[in-house]
């Protein structure tokens, strides 16, 4: 786990992308991460002062709660992402 919170150092998206790539290699994950996903993770890390791993966990939890509600509003009763 890598903590990107470095006192006195501004955070850059490039730093976050390098860490994400390193974490993917070390964990064996071979998934595509879009720039929008990296921005969301970066925003949660900065706004909530948490690690990258915690930010990802929070975003997944949020998605698990919101996705079924959005699907119900749009008439697609499924709560499973394909």
Protein backbone atom coordinates (compact mmCIF):
# COMPACT_ATOMS: atom_id res chain seq x y z
CA UNK A 1 0.00 0.00 0.00
CA UNK A 2 1.32 3.42 -0.92
CA UNK A 3 0.38 6.59 0.90
CA UNK A 4 0.44 9.61 -1.40
CA UNK A 5 0.05 12.13 1.40
CA UNK A 6 3.41 13.87 1.60
CA UNK A 7 3.40 16.98 3.84
CA UNK A 8 4.44 20.13 2.01
CA UNK A 9 4.54 18.51 -1.44
CA UNK A 10 1.86 19.33 -4.01
CA UNK A 11 0.12 16.29 -5.44
CA UNK A 12 0.34 15.73 -9.17
CA UNK A 13 -1.80 13.42 -11.29
CA UNK A 14 1.39 12.02 -12.84
CA UNK A 15 2.52 10.88 -9.39
CA UNK A 16 -0.83 9.18 -8.84
CA UNK A 17 -0.68 7.43 -12.22
CA UNK A 18 2.78 6.06 -11.47
CA UNK A 19 1.59 4.71 -8.12
CA UNK A 20 -1.50 3.15 -9.72
CA UNK A 21 0.68 1.41 -12.30
CA UNK A 22 3.02 0.15 -9.58
CA UNK A 23 0.13 -1.14 -7.46
CA UNK A 24 -1.41 -2.92 -10.45
CA UNK A 25 1.85 -4.69 -11.23
CA UNK A 26 2.54 -5.66 -7.63
CA UNK A 27 -0.99 -6.93 -6.98
CA UNK A 28 -1.30 -8.78 -10.25
CA UNK A 29 -4.28 -6.72 -11.40
CA UNK A 30 -4.41 -6.34 -15.15
CA UNK A 31 -7.35 -3.99 -15.55
CA UNK A 32 -7.72 -0.84 -17.63
CA UNK A 33 -7.89 2.28 -15.50
CA UNK A 34 -9.27 5.29 -17.35
CA UNK A 35 -8.18 8.88 -16.74
CA UNK A 36 -11.64 9.57 -15.26
CA UNK A 37 -11.12 6.76 -12.72
CA UNK A 38 -7.71 8.14 -11.77
CA UNK A 39 -9.20 11.61 -11.35
CA UNK A 40 -11.95 10.26 -9.09
CA UNK A 41 -9.43 8.34 -6.97
CA UNK A 42 -7.15 11.38 -6.80
CA UNK A 43 -10.08 13.61 -5.76
CA UNK A 44 -11.11 11.27 -2.91
CA UNK A 45 -7.50 10.97 -1.70
CA UNK A 46 -7.12 14.76 -1.62
CA UNK A 47 -10.59 15.65 -0.27
CA UNK A 48 -10.81 12.95 2.39
CA UNK A 49 -7.09 12.62 3.21
CA UNK A 50 -7.03 8.83 2.72
CA UNK A 51 -4.74 6.37 0.93
CA UNK A 52 -5.28 5.26 -2.66
CA UNK A 53 -6.50 1.86 -1.46
CA UNK A 54 -9.07 3.47 0.86
CA UNK A 55 -10.19 5.85 -1.88
CA UNK A 56 -10.83 2.93 -4.24
CA UNK A 57 -12.74 1.06 -1.52
CA UNK A 58 -14.94 4.12 -0.86
CA UNK A 59 -15.65 4.66 -4.56
CA UNK A 60 -16.65 1.01 -5.01
CA UNK A 61 -18.94 1.18 -1.97
CA UNK A 62 -20.52 4.37 -3.29
CA UNK A 63 -21.07 2.75 -6.69
CA UNK A 64 -22.67 -0.31 -5.07
CA UNK A 65 -25.19 2.00 -3.39
CA UNK A 66 -25.90 4.37 -6.28
CA UNK A 67 -25.93 2.03 -9.29
CA UNK A 68 -29.13 0.12 -8.36
CA UNK A 69 -30.93 3.41 -7.68
CA UNK A 70 -29.95 4.83 -11.06
CA UNK A 71 -30.99 1.61 -12.80
CA UNK A 72 -34.38 1.65 -11.06
CA UNK A 73 -34.97 5.27 -12.12
CA UNK A 74 -34.17 4.43 -15.74
CA UNK A 75 -36.28 1.30 -15.80
CA UNK A 76 -33.53 -1.30 -15.93
CA UNK A 77 -34.15 -3.28 -12.74
CA UNK A 78 -30.73 -4.97 -12.75
CA UNK A 79 -28.31 -4.24 -9.91
CA UNK A 80 -25.41 -6.15 -11.47
CA UNK A 81 -22.70 -4.62 -13.61
CA UNK A 82 -21.71 -6.75 -16.58
